[in-house]
């Protein structure tokens, strides 16, 4: 995934993503690669170890948050409201269009 896509999806400051990716690289969970179509962009690529960690973490989170007591429509509304609130607070901006994620 391009770093710009990770920033947009996580809705956090680019510096936070860069620092986190650096730690994940150090821990062997991801690696940085050059984007095949845009030499200025970096891709974040999961390693096999990273994929194993993600699968275990996803299963654990799904167990905890499988039923939070909200209807699906309410959950969608809540996520939209929180995203708008965070954007208005300056936590993140709409991403600049870039290359399509791989």
PDB file of N, CA and C in Angstrom:
ATOM      1  N   UNK A   1       0.843  -1.167   0.000  1.00  0.00           N
ATOM      2  CA  UNK A   1       0.000   0.000   0.000  1.00  0.00           C
ATOM      3  C   UNK A   1       0.895   1.240   0.000  1.00  0.00           C
ATOM      4  N   UNK A   2       0.562   2.225  -0.815  1.00  0.00           N
ATOM      5  CA  UNK A   2       1.324   3.474  -0.774  1.00  0.00           C
ATOM      6  C   UNK A   2       1.186   4.153   0.592  1.00  0.00           C
ATOM      7  N   UNK A   3       2.245   4.820   1.029  1.00  0.00           N
ATOM      8  CA  UNK A   3       2.211   5.521   2.314  1.00  0.00           C
ATOM      9  C   UNK A   3       1.045   6.507   2.345  1.00  0.00           C
ATOM     10  N   UNK A   4       0.790   7.220   1.239  1.00  0.00           N
ATOM     11  CA  UNK A   4      -0.309   8.194   1.204  1.00  0.00           C
ATOM     12  C   UNK A   4      -1.652   7.517   1.481  1.00  0.00           C
ATOM     13  N   UNK A   5      -1.829   6.306   0.986  1.00  0.00           N
ATOM     14  CA  UNK A   5      -3.067   5.571   1.242  1.00  0.00           C
ATOM     15  C   UNK A   5      -3.164   5.173   2.716  1.00  0.00           C
ATOM     16  N   UNK A   6      -2.048   4.770   3.295  1.00  0.00           N
ATOM     17  CA  UNK A   6      -2.044   4.413   4.718  1.00  0.00           C
ATOM     18  C   UNK A   6      -2.408   5.625   5.561  1.00  0.00           C
ATOM     19  N   UNK A   7      -1.860   6.785   5.227  1.00  0.00           N
ATOM     20  CA  UNK A   7      -2.158   8.016   5.955  1.00  0.00           C
ATOM     21  C   UNK A   7      -3.644   8.324   5.880  1.00  0.00           C
ATOM     22  N   UNK A   8      -4.221   8.227   4.685  1.00  0.00           N
ATOM     23  CA  UNK A   8      -5.649   8.523   4.505  1.00  0.00           C
ATOM     24  C   UNK A   8      -6.520   7.523   5.251  1.00  0.00           C
ATOM     25  N   UNK A   9      -6.179   6.253   5.184  1.00  0.00           N
ATOM     26  CA  UNK A   9      -7.006   5.233   5.828  1.00  0.00           C
ATOM     27  C   UNK A   9      -6.925   5.303   7.346  1.00  0.00           C
ATOM     28  N   UNK A  10      -5.747   5.595   7.857  1.00  0.00           N
ATOM     29  CA  UNK A  10      -5.576   5.669   9.311  1.00  0.00           C
ATOM     30  C   UNK A  10      -6.057   6.993   9.889  1.00  0.00           C
ATOM     31  N   UNK A  11      -6.171   8.000   9.044  1.00  0.00           N
ATOM     32  CA  UNK A  11      -6.625   9.322   9.454  1.00  0.00           C
ATOM     33  C   UNK A  11      -5.757   9.903  10.556  1.00  0.00           C
ATOM     34  N   UNK A  12      -4.445   9.782  10.365  1.00  0.00           N
ATOM     35  CA  UNK A  12      -3.497  10.360  11.311  1.00  0.00           C
ATOM     36  C   UNK A  12      -2.478  11.189  10.547  1.00  0.00           C
ATOM     37  N   UNK A  13      -1.701  11.969  11.286  1.00  0.00           N
ATOM     38  CA  UNK A  13      -0.710  12.851  10.684  1.00  0.00           C
ATOM     39  C   UNK A  13       0.356  12.021   9.964  1.00  0.00           C
ATOM     40  N   UNK A  14       0.827  12.510   8.796  1.00  0.00           N
ATOM     41  CA  UNK A  14       1.847  11.763   8.046  1.00  0.00           C
ATOM     42  C   UNK A  14       3.095  11.417   8.860  1.00  0.00           C
ATOM     43  N   UNK A  15       3.516  12.308   9.754  1.00  0.00           N
ATOM     44  CA  UNK A  15       4.692  12.022  10.581  1.00  0.00           C
ATOM     45  C   UNK A  15       4.454  10.810  11.469  1.00  0.00           C
ATOM     46  N   UNK A  16       3.250  10.688  11.990  1.00  0.00           N
ATOM     47  CA  UNK A  16       2.925   9.537  12.840  1.00  0.00           C
ATOM     48  C   UNK A  16       3.028   8.236  12.050  1.00  0.00           C
ATOM     49  N   UNK A  17       2.521   8.250  10.811  1.00  0.00           N
ATOM     50  CA  UNK A  17       2.594   7.047   9.983  1.00  0.00           C
ATOM     51  C   UNK A  17       4.045   6.719   9.655  1.00  0.00           C
ATOM     52  N   UNK A  18       4.826   7.730   9.290  1.00  0.00           N
ATOM     53  CA  UNK A  18       6.237   7.515   8.963  1.00  0.00           C
ATOM     54  C   UNK A  18       6.985   6.916  10.147  1.00  0.00           C
ATOM     55  N   UNK A  19       6.764   7.462  11.338  1.00  0.00           N
ATOM     56  CA  UNK A  19       7.439   6.940  12.536  1.00  0.00           C
ATOM     57  C   UNK A  19       6.989   5.518  12.854  1.00  0.00           C
ATOM     58  N   UNK A  20       5.706   5.272  12.717  1.00  0.00           N
ATOM     59  CA  UNK A  20       5.186   3.926  12.995  1.00  0.00           C
ATOM     60  C   UNK A  20       5.737   2.919  11.994  1.00  0.00           C
ATOM     61  N   UNK A  21       5.748   3.287  10.711  1.00  0.00           N
ATOM     62  CA  UNK A  21       6.294   2.382   9.694  1.00  0.00           C
ATOM     63  C   UNK A  21       7.768   2.101   9.976  1.00  0.00           C
ATOM     64  N   UNK A  22       8.518   3.099  10.395  1.00  0.00           N
ATOM     65  CA  UNK A  22       9.934   2.876  10.726  1.00  0.00           C
ATOM     66  C   UNK A  22      10.087   1.848  11.838  1.00  0.00           C
ATOM     67  N   UNK A  23       9.225   1.941  12.846  1.00  0.00           N
ATOM     68  CA  UNK A  23       9.284   0.948  13.937  1.00  0.00           C
ATOM     69  C   UNK A  23       8.883  -0.438  13.457  1.00  0.00           C
ATOM     70  N   UNK A  24       7.864  -0.499  12.584  1.00  0.00           N
ATOM     71  CA  UNK A  24       7.432  -1.791  12.051  1.00  0.00           C
ATOM     72  C   UNK A  24       8.514  -2.424  11.175  1.00  0.00           C
ATOM     73  N   UNK A  25       9.235  -1.595  10.423  1.00  0.00           N
ATOM     74  CA  UNK A  25      10.361  -2.099   9.619  1.00  0.00           C
ATOM     75  C   UNK A  25      11.421  -2.675  10.552  1.00  0.00           C
ATOM     76  N   UNK A  26      11.740  -1.931  11.603  1.00  0.00           N
ATOM     77  CA  UNK A  26      12.751  -2.385  12.571  1.00  0.00           C
ATOM     78  C   UNK A  26      12.365  -3.722  13.205  1.00  0.00           C
ATOM     79  N   UNK A  27      11.058  -3.899  13.435  1.00  0.00           N
ATOM     80  CA  UNK A  27      10.562  -5.135  14.054  1.00  0.00           C
ATOM     81  C   UNK A  27      10.359  -6.266  13.048  1.00  0.00           C
ATOM     82  N   UNK A  28      10.596  -5.981  11.754  1.00  0.00           N
ATOM     83  CA  UNK A  28      10.471  -7.014  10.733  1.00  0.00           C
ATOM     84  C   UNK A  28       9.046  -7.327  10.311  1.00  0.00           C
ATOM     85  N   UNK A  29       8.109  -6.421  10.607  1.00  0.00           N
ATOM     86  CA  UNK A  29       6.705  -6.669  10.287  1.00  0.00           C
ATOM     87  C   UNK A  29       6.294  -6.124   8.923  1.00  0.00           C
ATOM     88  N   UNK A  30       6.982  -5.081   8.454  1.00  0.00           N
ATOM     89  CA  UNK A  30       6.754  -4.527   7.120  1.00  0.00           C
ATOM     90  C   UNK A  30       8.101  -4.176   6.510  1.00  0.00           C
ATOM     91  N   UNK A  31       8.067  -3.916   5.220  1.00  0.00           N
ATOM     92  CA  UNK A  31       9.244  -3.379   4.552  1.00  0.00           C
ATOM     93  C   UNK A  31       8.787  -2.266   3.618  1.00  0.00           C
ATOM     94  N   UNK A  32       9.691  -1.331   3.355  1.00  0.00           N
ATOM     95  CA  UNK A  32       9.405  -0.247   2.415  1.00  0.00           C
ATOM     96  C   UNK A  32       9.934  -0.661   1.050  1.00  0.00           C
ATOM     97  N   UNK A  33       9.134  -0.369   0.013  1.00  0.00           N
ATOM     98  CA  UNK A  33       9.567  -0.632  -1.356  1.00  0.00           C
ATOM     99  C   UNK A  33       9.238   0.592  -2.208  1.00  0.00           C
ATOM    100  N   UNK A  34       9.952   0.758  -3.280  1.00  0.00           N
ATOM    101  CA  UNK A  34       9.673   1.840  -4.212  1.00  0.00           C
ATOM    102  C   UNK A  34       8.429   1.497  -5.016  1.00  0.00           C
ATOM    103  N   UNK A  35       7.548   2.480  -5.186  1.00  0.00           N
ATOM    104  CA  UNK A  35       6.335   2.285  -5.980  1.00  0.00           C
ATOM    105  C   UNK A  35       6.751   1.995  -7.422  1.00  0.00           C
ATOM    106  N   UNK A  36       6.173   0.980  -8.067  1.00  0.00           N
ATOM    107  CA  UNK A  36       6.603   0.616  -9.424  1.00  0.00           C
ATOM    108  C   UNK A  36       6.293   1.670 -10.484  1.00  0.00           C
ATOM    109  N   UNK A  37       5.284   2.526 -10.229  1.00  0.00           N
ATOM    110  CA  UNK A  37       4.901   3.528 -11.227  1.00  0.00           C
ATOM    111  C   UNK A  37       5.239   4.954 -10.822  1.00  0.00           C
ATOM    112  N   UNK A  38       5.607   5.170  -9.572  1.00  0.00           N
ATOM    113  CA  UNK A  38       5.897   6.513  -9.077  1.00  0.00           C
ATOM    114  C   UNK A  38       7.104   6.442  -8.154  1.00  0.00           C
ATOM    115  N   UNK A  39       8.265   6.780  -8.697  1.00  0.00           N
ATOM    116  CA  UNK A  39       9.509   6.681  -7.940  1.00  0.00           C
ATOM    117  C   UNK A  39       9.561   7.553  -6.705  1.00  0.00           C
ATOM    118  N   UNK A  40       8.665   8.537  -6.613  1.00  0.00           N
ATOM    119  CA  UNK A  40       8.632   9.411  -5.432  1.00  0.00           C
ATOM    120  C   UNK A  40       7.862   8.791  -4.286  1.00  0.00           C
ATOM    121  N   UNK A  41       7.042   7.797  -4.581  1.00  0.00           N
ATOM    122  CA  UNK A  41       6.173   7.200  -3.566  1.00  0.00           C
ATOM    123  C   UNK A  41       6.801   5.929  -3.000  1.00  0.00           C
ATOM    124  N   UNK A  42       6.514   5.702  -1.731  1.00  0.00           N
ATOM    125  CA  UNK A  42       6.983   4.479  -1.080  1.00  0.00           C
ATOM    126  C   UNK A  42       5.784   3.582  -0.792  1.00  0.00           C
ATOM    127  N   UNK A  43       6.007   2.296  -0.930  1.00  0.00           N
ATOM    128  CA  UNK A  43       4.992   1.309  -0.582  1.00  0.00           C
ATOM    129  C   UNK A  43       5.338   0.700   0.767  1.00  0.00           C
ATOM    130  N   UNK A  44       4.322   0.379   1.534  1.00  0.00           N
ATOM    131  CA  UNK A  44       4.494  -0.373   2.767  1.00  0.00           C
ATOM    132  C   UNK A  44       4.001  -1.782   2.471  1.00  0.00           C
ATOM    133  N   UNK A  45       4.878  -2.764   2.638  1.00  0.00           N
ATOM    134  CA  UNK A  45       4.564  -4.140   2.278  1.00  0.00           C
ATOM    135  C   UNK A  45       4.707  -5.020   3.523  1.00  0.00           C
ATOM    136  N   UNK A  46       3.659  -5.782   3.806  1.00  0.00           N
ATOM    137  CA  UNK A  46       3.707  -6.710   4.937  1.00  0.00           C
ATOM    138  C   UNK A  46       4.711  -7.829   4.680  1.00  0.00           C
ATOM    139  N   UNK A  47       5.433  -8.192   5.710  1.00  0.00           N
ATOM    140  CA  UNK A  47       6.268  -9.387   5.653  1.00  0.00           C
ATOM    141  C   UNK A  47       5.401 -10.576   6.078  1.00  0.00           C
ATOM    142  N   UNK A  48       5.916 -11.764   5.930  1.00  0.00           N
ATOM    143  CA  UNK A  48       5.172 -12.948   6.384  1.00  0.00           C
ATOM    144  C   UNK A  48       4.899 -12.873   7.884  1.00  0.00           C
ATOM    145  N   UNK A  49       5.893 -12.420   8.641  1.00  0.00           N
ATOM    146  CA  UNK A  49       5.717 -12.272  10.089  1.00  0.00           C
ATOM    147  C   UNK A  49       4.644 -11.236  10.394  1.00  0.00           C
ATOM    148  N   UNK A  50       4.650 -10.129   9.660  1.00  0.00           N
ATOM    149  CA  UNK A  50       3.647  -9.087   9.837  1.00  0.00           C
ATOM    150  C   UNK A  50       2.250  -9.603   9.557  1.00  0.00           C
ATOM    151  N   UNK A  51       2.117 -10.413   8.513  1.00  0.00           N
ATOM    152  CA  UNK A  51       0.807 -10.973   8.175  1.00  0.00           C
ATOM    153  C   UNK A  51       0.310 -11.894   9.302  1.00  0.00           C
ATOM    154  N   UNK A  52       1.191 -12.692   9.881  1.00  0.00           N
ATOM    155  CA  UNK A  52       0.796 -13.570  10.993  1.00  0.00           C
ATOM    156  C   UNK A  52       0.304 -12.750  12.184  1.00  0.00           C
ATOM    157  N   UNK A  53       1.028 -11.682  12.502  1.00  0.00           N
ATOM    158  CA  UNK A  53       0.639 -10.821  13.627  1.00  0.00           C
ATOM    159  C   UNK A  53      -0.726 -10.192  13.359  1.00  0.00           C
ATOM    160  N   UNK A  54      -0.942  -9.729  12.130  1.00  0.00           N
ATOM    161  CA  UNK A  54      -2.220  -9.088  11.774  1.00  0.00           C
ATOM    162  C   UNK A  54      -3.369 -10.083  11.891  1.00  0.00           C
ATOM    163  N   UNK A  55      -3.165 -11.298  11.433  1.00  0.00           N
ATOM    164  CA  UNK A  55      -4.239 -12.297  11.508  1.00  0.00           C
ATOM    165  C   UNK A  55      -4.621 -12.588  12.963  1.00  0.00           C
ATOM    166  N   UNK A  56      -3.635 -12.708  13.843  1.00  0.00           N
ATOM    167  CA  UNK A  56      -3.918 -12.956  15.259  1.00  0.00           C
ATOM    168  C   UNK A  56      -4.606 -11.750  15.900  1.00  0.00           C
ATOM    169  N   UNK A  57      -4.117 -10.551  15.601  1.00  0.00           N
ATOM    170  CA  UNK A  57      -4.700  -9.339  16.183  1.00  0.00           C
ATOM    171  C   UNK A  57      -6.135  -9.132  15.689  1.00  0.00           C
ATOM    172  N   UNK A  58      -6.373  -9.406  14.411  1.00  0.00           N
ATOM    173  CA  UNK A  58      -7.721  -9.251  13.856  1.00  0.00           C
ATOM    174  C   UNK A  58      -8.699 -10.198  14.548  1.00  0.00           C
ATOM    175  N   UNK A  59      -8.292 -11.425  14.744  1.00  0.00           N
ATOM    176  CA  UNK A  59      -9.161 -12.392  15.428  1.00  0.00           C
ATOM    177  C   UNK A  59      -9.463 -11.931  16.853  1.00  0.00           C
ATOM    178  N   UNK A  60      -8.464 -11.426  17.555  1.00  0.00           N
ATOM    179  CA  UNK A  60      -8.669 -10.952  18.926  1.00  0.00           C
ATOM    180  C   UNK A  60      -9.605  -9.756  18.965  1.00  0.00           C
ATOM    181  N   UNK A  61      -9.405  -8.796  18.066  1.00  0.00           N
ATOM    182  CA  UNK A  61     -10.270  -7.614  18.031  1.00  0.00           C
ATOM    183  C   UNK A  61     -11.689  -7.969  17.631  1.00  0.00           C
ATOM    184  N   UNK A  62     -11.834  -8.882  16.707  1.00  0.00           N
ATOM    185  CA  UNK A  62     -13.175  -9.309  16.306  1.00  0.00           C
ATOM    186  C   UNK A  62     -13.917  -9.949  17.475  1.00  0.00           C
ATOM    187  N   UNK A  63     -13.201 -10.674  18.304  1.00  0.00           N
ATOM    188  CA  UNK A  63     -13.825 -11.266  19.496  1.00  0.00           C
ATOM    189  C   UNK A  63     -14.338 -10.181  20.438  1.00  0.00           C
ATOM    190  N   UNK A  64     -13.556  -9.131  20.628  1.00  0.00           N
ATOM    191  CA  UNK A  64     -13.922  -8.071  21.557  1.00  0.00           C
ATOM    192  C   UNK A  64     -15.036  -7.188  21.006  1.00  0.00           C
ATOM    193  N   UNK A  65     -14.951  -6.847  19.713  1.00  0.00           N
ATOM    194  CA  UNK A  65     -15.872  -5.865  19.140  1.00  0.00           C
ATOM    195  C   UNK A  65     -16.919  -6.465  18.207  1.00  0.00           C
ATOM    196  N   UNK A  66     -17.193  -7.749  18.342  1.00  0.00           N
ATOM    197  CA  UNK A  66     -18.148  -8.385  17.433  1.00  0.00           C
ATOM    198  C   UNK A  66     -19.562  -7.836  17.609  1.00  0.00           C
ATOM    199  N   UNK A  67     -19.909  -7.402  18.812  1.00  0.00           N
ATOM    200  CA  UNK A  67     -21.238  -6.852  19.036  1.00  0.00           C
ATOM    201  C   UNK A  67     -21.135  -5.722  20.049  1.00  0.00           C
ATOM    202  N   UNK A  68     -21.145  -4.481  19.537  1.00  0.00           N
ATOM    203  CA  UNK A  68     -21.039  -3.324  20.425  1.00  0.00           C
ATOM    204  C   UNK A  68     -22.413  -2.743  20.765  1.00  0.00           C
ATOM    205  N   UNK A  69     -23.477  -3.410  20.315  1.00  0.00           N
ATOM    206  CA  UNK A  69     -24.816  -2.992  20.671  1.00  0.00           C
ATOM    207  C   UNK A  69     -25.417  -1.926  19.773  1.00  0.00           C
ATOM    208  N   UNK A  70     -24.830  -1.681  18.615  1.00  0.00           N
ATOM    209  CA  UNK A  70     -25.363  -0.710  17.670  1.00  0.00           C
ATOM    210  C   UNK A  70     -25.842  -1.417  16.411  1.00  0.00           C
ATOM    211  N   UNK A  71     -26.919  -0.904  15.845  1.00  0.00           N
ATOM    212  CA  UNK A  71     -27.366  -1.405  14.542  1.00  0.00           C
ATOM    213  C   UNK A  71     -26.324  -0.997  13.490  1.00  0.00           C
ATOM    214  N   UNK A  72     -26.250  -1.748  12.399  1.00  0.00           N
ATOM    215  CA  UNK A  72     -25.269  -1.458  11.351  1.00  0.00           C
ATOM    216  C   UNK A  72     -25.361  -0.021  10.852  1.00  0.00           C
ATOM    217  N   UNK A  73     -26.586   0.465  10.635  1.00  0.00           N
ATOM    218  CA  UNK A  73     -26.765   1.848  10.155  1.00  0.00           C
ATOM    219  C   UNK A  73     -26.241   2.849  11.173  1.00  0.00           C
ATOM    220  N   UNK A  74     -26.470   2.586  12.454  1.00  0.00           N
ATOM    221  CA  UNK A  74     -25.975   3.486  13.499  1.00  0.00           C
ATOM    222  C   UNK A  74     -24.451   3.493  13.542  1.00  0.00           C
ATOM    223  N   UNK A  75     -23.852   2.328  13.348  1.00  0.00           N
ATOM    224  CA  UNK A  75     -22.392   2.240  13.333  1.00  0.00           C
ATOM    225  C   UNK A  75     -21.821   3.061  12.184  1.00  0.00           C
ATOM    226  N   UNK A  76     -22.409   2.943  11.004  1.00  0.00           N
ATOM    227  CA  UNK A  76     -21.957   3.717   9.841  1.00  0.00           C
ATOM    228  C   UNK A  76     -22.102   5.205  10.131  1.00  0.00           C
ATOM    229  N   UNK A  77     -23.233   5.618  10.677  1.00  0.00           N
ATOM    230  CA  UNK A  77     -23.446   7.034  11.011  1.00  0.00           C
ATOM    231  C   UNK A  77     -22.415   7.521  12.021  1.00  0.00           C
ATOM    232  N   UNK A  78     -22.144   6.720  13.045  1.00  0.00           N
ATOM    233  CA  UNK A  78     -21.184   7.107  14.071  1.00  0.00           C
ATOM    234  C   UNK A  78     -19.793   7.293  13.488  1.00  0.00           C
ATOM    235  N   UNK A  79     -19.365   6.365  12.648  1.00  0.00           N
ATOM    236  CA  UNK A  79     -18.037   6.476  12.025  1.00  0.00           C
ATOM    237  C   UNK A  79     -17.953   7.735  11.171  1.00  0.00           C
ATOM    238  N   UNK A  80     -18.998   8.033  10.405  1.00  0.00           N
ATOM    239  CA  UNK A  80     -19.006   9.249   9.573  1.00  0.00           C
ATOM    240  C   UNK A  80     -18.941  10.514  10.429  1.00  0.00           C
ATOM    241  N   UNK A  81     -19.705  10.536  11.515  1.00  0.00           N
ATOM    242  CA  UNK A  81     -19.702  11.707  12.398  1.00  0.00           C
ATOM    243  C   UNK A  81     -18.324  11.898  13.028  1.00  0.00           C
ATOM    244  N   UNK A  82     -17.738  10.819  13.517  1.00  0.00           N
ATOM    245  CA  UNK A  82     -16.411  10.925  14.134  1.00  0.00           C
ATOM    246  C   UNK A  82     -15.356  11.354  13.126  1.00  0.00           C
ATOM    247  N   UNK A  83     -15.429  10.842  11.903  1.00  0.00           N
ATOM    248  CA  UNK A  83     -14.472  11.243  10.863  1.00  0.00           C
ATOM    249  C   UNK A  83     -14.615  12.732  10.559  1.00  0.00           C
ATOM    250  N   UNK A  84     -15.852  13.202  10.435  1.00  0.00           N
ATOM    251  CA  UNK A  84     -16.086  14.628  10.171  1.00  0.00           C
ATOM    252  C   UNK A  84     -15.580  15.471  11.342  1.00  0.00           C
ATOM    253  N   UNK A  85     -15.852  15.037  12.566  1.00  0.00           N
ATOM    254  CA  UNK A  85     -15.394  15.747  13.760  1.00  0.00           C
ATOM    255  C   UNK A  85     -13.872  15.861  13.765  1.00  0.00           C
ATOM    256  N   UNK A  86     -13.187  14.763  13.498  1.00  0.00           N
ATOM    257  CA  UNK A  86     -11.716  14.764  13.498  1.00  0.00           C
ATOM    258  C   UNK A  86     -11.163  15.632  12.380  1.00  0.00           C
ATOM    259  N   UNK A  87     -11.787  15.580  11.213  1.00  0.00           N
ATOM    260  CA  UNK A  87     -11.339  16.403  10.092  1.00  0.00           C
ATOM    261  C   UNK A  87     -11.513  17.884  10.440  1.00  0.00           C
ATOM    262  N   UNK A  88     -12.671  18.232  10.971  1.00  0.00           N
ATOM    263  CA  UNK A  88     -12.924  19.628  11.351  1.00  0.00           C
ATOM    264  C   UNK A  88     -11.971  20.100  12.450  1.00  0.00           C
ATOM    265  N   UNK A  89     -11.520  19.181  13.288  1.00  0.00           N
ATOM    266  CA  UNK A  89     -10.576  19.518  14.358  1.00  0.00           C
ATOM    267  C   UNK A  89      -9.138  19.612  13.847  1.00  0.00           C
ATOM    268  N   UNK A  90      -8.941  19.277  12.568  1.00  0.00           N
ATOM    269  CA  UNK A  90      -7.604  19.373  11.985  1.00  0.00           C
ATOM    270  C   UNK A  90      -6.749  18.134  12.161  1.00  0.00           C
ATOM    271  N   UNK A  91      -7.355  17.037  12.607  1.00  0.00           N
ATOM    272  CA  UNK A  91      -6.582  15.807  12.797  1.00  0.00           C
ATOM    273  C   UNK A  91      -6.065  15.235  11.480  1.00  0.00           C
ATOM    274  N   UNK A  92      -6.809  15.443  10.408  1.00  0.00           N
ATOM    275  CA  UNK A  92      -6.374  14.966   9.111  1.00  0.00           C
ATOM    276  C   UNK A  92      -7.082  15.745   8.023  1.00  0.00           C
ATOM    277  N   UNK A  93      -6.539  15.664   6.817  1.00  0.00           N
ATOM    278  CA  UNK A  93      -7.129  16.307   5.650  1.00  0.00           C
ATOM    279  C   UNK A  93      -7.439  15.248   4.611  1.00  0.00           C
ATOM    280  N   UNK A  94      -8.302  15.587   3.660  1.00  0.00           N
ATOM    281  CA  UNK A  94      -8.540  14.669   2.566  1.00  0.00           C
ATOM    282  C   UNK A  94      -7.225  14.432   1.842  1.00  0.00           C
ATOM    283  N   UNK A  95      -6.945  13.194   1.459  1.00  0.00           N
ATOM    284  CA  UNK A  95      -5.681  12.897   0.797  1.00  0.00           C
ATOM    285  C   UNK A  95      -5.609  13.529  -0.594  1.00  0.00           C
ATOM    286  N   UNK A  96      -4.391  13.877  -0.971  1.00  0.00           N
ATOM    287  CA  UNK A  96      -4.147  14.345  -2.329  1.00  0.00           C
ATOM    288  C   UNK A  96      -4.238  13.124  -3.224  1.00  0.00           C
ATOM    289  N   UNK A  97      -4.984  13.212  -4.333  1.00  0.00           N
ATOM    290  CA  UNK A  97      -5.069  12.029  -5.218  1.00  0.00           C
ATOM    291  C   UNK A  97      -3.673  11.590  -5.633  1.00  0.00           C
ATOM    292  N   UNK A  98      -3.445  10.319  -5.533  1.00  0.00           N
ATOM    293  CA  UNK A  98      -2.145   9.753  -5.892  1.00  0.00           C
ATOM    294  C   UNK A  98      -2.335   8.501  -6.698  1.00  0.00           C
ATOM    295  N   UNK A  99      -1.292   7.728  -6.793  1.00  0.00           N
ATOM    296  CA  UNK A  99      -1.415   6.479  -7.546  1.00  0.00           C
ATOM    297  C   UNK A  99      -2.395   5.530  -6.871  1.00  0.00           C
ATOM    298  N   UNK A 100      -3.037   4.697  -7.664  1.00  0.00           N
ATOM    299  CA  UNK A 100      -3.961   3.715  -7.126  1.00  0.00           C
ATOM    300  C   UNK A 100      -3.204   2.743  -6.242  1.00  0.00           C
ATOM    301  N   UNK A 101      -3.814   2.368  -5.085  1.00  0.00           N
ATOM    302  CA  UNK A 101      -3.162   1.362  -4.257  1.00  0.00           C
ATOM    303  C   UNK A 101      -3.030   0.047  -5.022  1.00  0.00           C
ATOM    304  N   UNK A 102      -1.993  -0.654  -4.694  1.00  0.00           N
ATOM    305  CA  UNK A 102      -1.787  -1.961  -5.340  1.00  0.00           C
ATOM    306  C   UNK A 102      -2.676  -2.991  -4.714  1.00  0.00           C
TER     307      UNK A 102
END
